[in-house]
Protein backbone atom coordinates (compact mmCIF):
# COMPACT_ATOMS: atom_id res chain seq x y z
CA MET A 1 0.00 0.00 0.00
CA ASN A 2 1.45 3.33 -1.02
CA ALA A 3 -0.37 5.83 1.21
CA ARG A 4 0.58 8.97 3.07
CA VAL A 5 -0.84 8.69 6.58
CA LEU A 6 -1.15 11.42 9.19
CA LEU A 7 -1.20 9.50 12.49
CA ILE A 8 -2.45 11.42 15.53
CA GLU A 9 -1.92 9.29 18.65
CA GLU A 10 -1.15 10.40 22.21
CA ASP A 11 0.23 7.12 23.54
CA ASP A 12 3.88 6.88 22.53
CA SER A 13 4.02 3.07 22.49
CA VAL A 14 0.83 2.79 20.42
CA GLN A 15 2.08 5.50 18.07
CA LYS A 16 5.38 3.66 17.53
CA SER A 17 3.61 0.33 16.98
CA LEU A 18 1.18 1.80 14.46
CA CYS A 19 4.00 3.67 12.70
CA LYS A 20 6.03 0.50 12.38
CA ALA A 21 3.07 -1.47 11.03
CA LEU A 22 2.06 1.21 8.52
CA CYS A 23 5.65 1.76 7.34
CA SER A 24 6.16 -1.99 6.91
CA GLU A 25 3.22 -1.93 4.49
CA GLY A 26 4.79 0.84 2.41
CA CYS A 27 3.03 3.82 3.93
CA THR A 28 4.70 7.14 4.55
CA VAL A 29 3.71 8.20 8.06
CA LEU A 30 3.75 11.57 9.74
CA ALA A 31 3.18 10.74 13.41
CA THR A 32 2.20 13.44 15.84
CA THR A 33 0.16 14.14 18.97
CA VAL A 34 -2.67 16.57 19.60
CA THR A 35 -0.30 18.69 21.67
CA GLU A 36 2.26 18.84 18.86
CA LEU A 37 -0.43 19.82 16.36
CA GLY A 38 -1.44 22.87 18.38
CA GLY A 39 -4.86 22.96 16.73
CA ARG A 40 -3.47 22.78 13.17
CA PHE A 41 -4.01 19.80 10.89
CA PRO A 42 -1.25 19.46 8.27
CA THR A 43 -3.43 17.38 5.95
CA GLU A 44 -2.25 18.75 2.59
CA GLY A 45 -0.01 15.74 1.91
CA ALA A 46 -2.10 13.12 3.69
CA ASP A 47 -4.16 10.54 1.85
CA VAL A 48 -5.78 9.45 5.12
CA VAL A 49 -5.75 10.52 8.78
CA VAL A 50 -5.72 7.93 11.54
CA MET A 51 -6.61 9.63 14.81
CA ASP A 52 -7.18 8.60 18.40
CA ALA A 53 -10.38 10.22 19.67
CA ASP A 54 -9.37 9.52 23.27
CA THR A 55 -7.10 12.45 24.06
CA PRO A 56 -6.18 13.45 27.61
CA THR A 57 -5.59 17.12 26.82
CA ARG A 58 -8.45 18.15 24.50
CA ASN A 59 -11.85 16.92 23.35
CA GLY A 60 -10.98 14.35 20.70
CA TRP A 61 -14.43 14.47 19.11
CA ILE A 62 -14.15 18.20 18.45
CA LEU A 63 -10.64 17.68 17.10
CA ALA A 64 -11.94 14.88 14.87
CA ALA A 65 -14.54 17.24 13.41
CA GLN A 66 -11.81 19.83 12.76
CA ALA A 67 -9.61 17.19 11.12
CA ALA A 68 -12.51 15.96 8.94
CA ALA A 69 -13.18 19.51 7.77
CA ALA A 70 -9.49 19.99 6.92
CA LEU A 71 -9.43 16.74 4.93
CA HIS A 72 -11.99 17.93 2.35
CA GLY A 73 -13.46 14.46 1.80
CA ARG A 74 -10.33 12.37 2.29
CA PRO A 75 -10.76 9.51 4.80
CA LEU A 76 -10.58 9.91 8.57
CA VAL A 77 -10.17 6.75 10.63
CA LEU A 78 -11.04 7.34 14.27
CA LEU A 79 -9.78 5.09 17.05
CA THR A 80 -11.41 4.84 20.46
CA ALA A 81 -11.43 2.70 23.57
CA GLU A 82 -15.01 3.76 24.32
CA PRO A 83 -17.60 1.26 23.07
CA GLY A 84 -20.76 2.42 21.33
CA GLN A 85 -19.39 5.63 19.80
CA LEU A 86 -20.27 5.05 16.13
CA ARG A 87 -22.92 7.78 15.87
CA ARG A 88 -20.64 10.25 17.60
CA ALA A 89 -17.78 9.35 15.24
CA LEU A 90 -19.92 9.68 12.12
CA ALA A 91 -21.28 13.02 13.39
CA ALA A 92 -17.69 14.21 13.77
CA GLY A 93 -17.02 13.32 10.13
CA ALA A 94 -15.18 10.01 10.52
CA SER A 95 -15.15 7.60 7.62
CA VAL A 96 -14.67 4.66 9.97
CA LEU A 97 -14.52 4.03 13.71
CA LEU A 98 -12.26 1.29 15.06
CA GLU A 99 -12.55 0.25 18.69
CA LYS A 100 -9.44 -0.52 20.69
CA PRO A 101 -7.75 -2.88 20.97
CA ILE A 102 -7.18 -2.64 17.24
CA ALA A 103 -6.09 -5.54 15.10
CA LEU A 104 -3.28 -4.35 12.84
CA PRO A 105 -4.53 -6.32 9.82
CA THR A 106 -7.96 -4.75 10.31
CA LEU A 107 -6.49 -1.25 10.39
CA LEU A 108 -4.44 -1.91 7.26
CA GLU A 109 -7.40 -3.44 5.41
CA THR A 110 -9.59 -0.52 6.46
CA ILE A 111 -7.13 2.06 5.14
CA GLU A 112 -6.72 0.12 1.89
CA ARG A 113 -10.50 -0.16 1.49
CA LEU A 114 -11.02 3.54 2.13
CA LEU A 115 -8.33 4.56 -0.31
CA THR A 116 -9.63 2.31 -3.07
CA LYS A 117 -13.28 2.96 -2.18
CA ALA A 118 -14.03 -0.71 -2.82
CA THR A 119 -17.18 -0.79 -0.69
CA PRO A 120 -18.76 2.66 -0.44
CA ASP A 121 -21.89 1.38 1.30
CA SER A 122 -20.11 -0.82 3.84
CA ASP A 123 -20.67 -0.67 7.58
CA PRO A 124 -18.25 1.91 9.07
CA THR A 125 -17.57 -0.23 12.13
CA VAL A 126 -15.02 -2.98 12.22
CA SER A 127 -14.78 -5.63 14.92
CA PRO A 128 -11.35 -5.99 16.47
CA THR A 129 -9.43 -9.24 15.96
CA GLU A 130 -5.90 -10.50 16.77
CA PRO A 131 -3.09 -9.33 16.78
CA LYS A 132 -3.82 -6.31 18.94
CA VAL A 133 -2.03 -3.03 19.52
C-alpha cells in the first residue's frame, strides 16, 4: 500500500507500533500528537488521517470534526477505547470508527478499502481481531 498517513496518537508506544506497522506496508507516516499539532491539521499531503479520539488534553471528538473539515473528503479513521461511539464518530465526520484494541490487519485493510473505495456502502464499524495493539 502506497499511502501517506497522518497519524495522531497520544500514547507513545501505540504511536510507535502503528508507525512501524504502517511503514512496513509501504506507507509514509507523519506521526504526531494533539499537543504537537497545536490545533493545526497538516493534511495537505495526507491521503488518510488515523486519529485517536481519546485524548487526555483536549476533546478528541471536536478535534476529529476539525480534522474531517481539513481533509476535504479524504478519509478519517477514528480510534477509540469507548464502546458504542459510532454515531458520535460519524457526526464528527469520521469515515470509519475502530474500537481498541485494534487488530493491525484490520487497520491496514480498512485504510486500503477507504483509499480504493471498494465498498462505499459498507458498515463503518469494524470488529477488532488479533493481533492487537
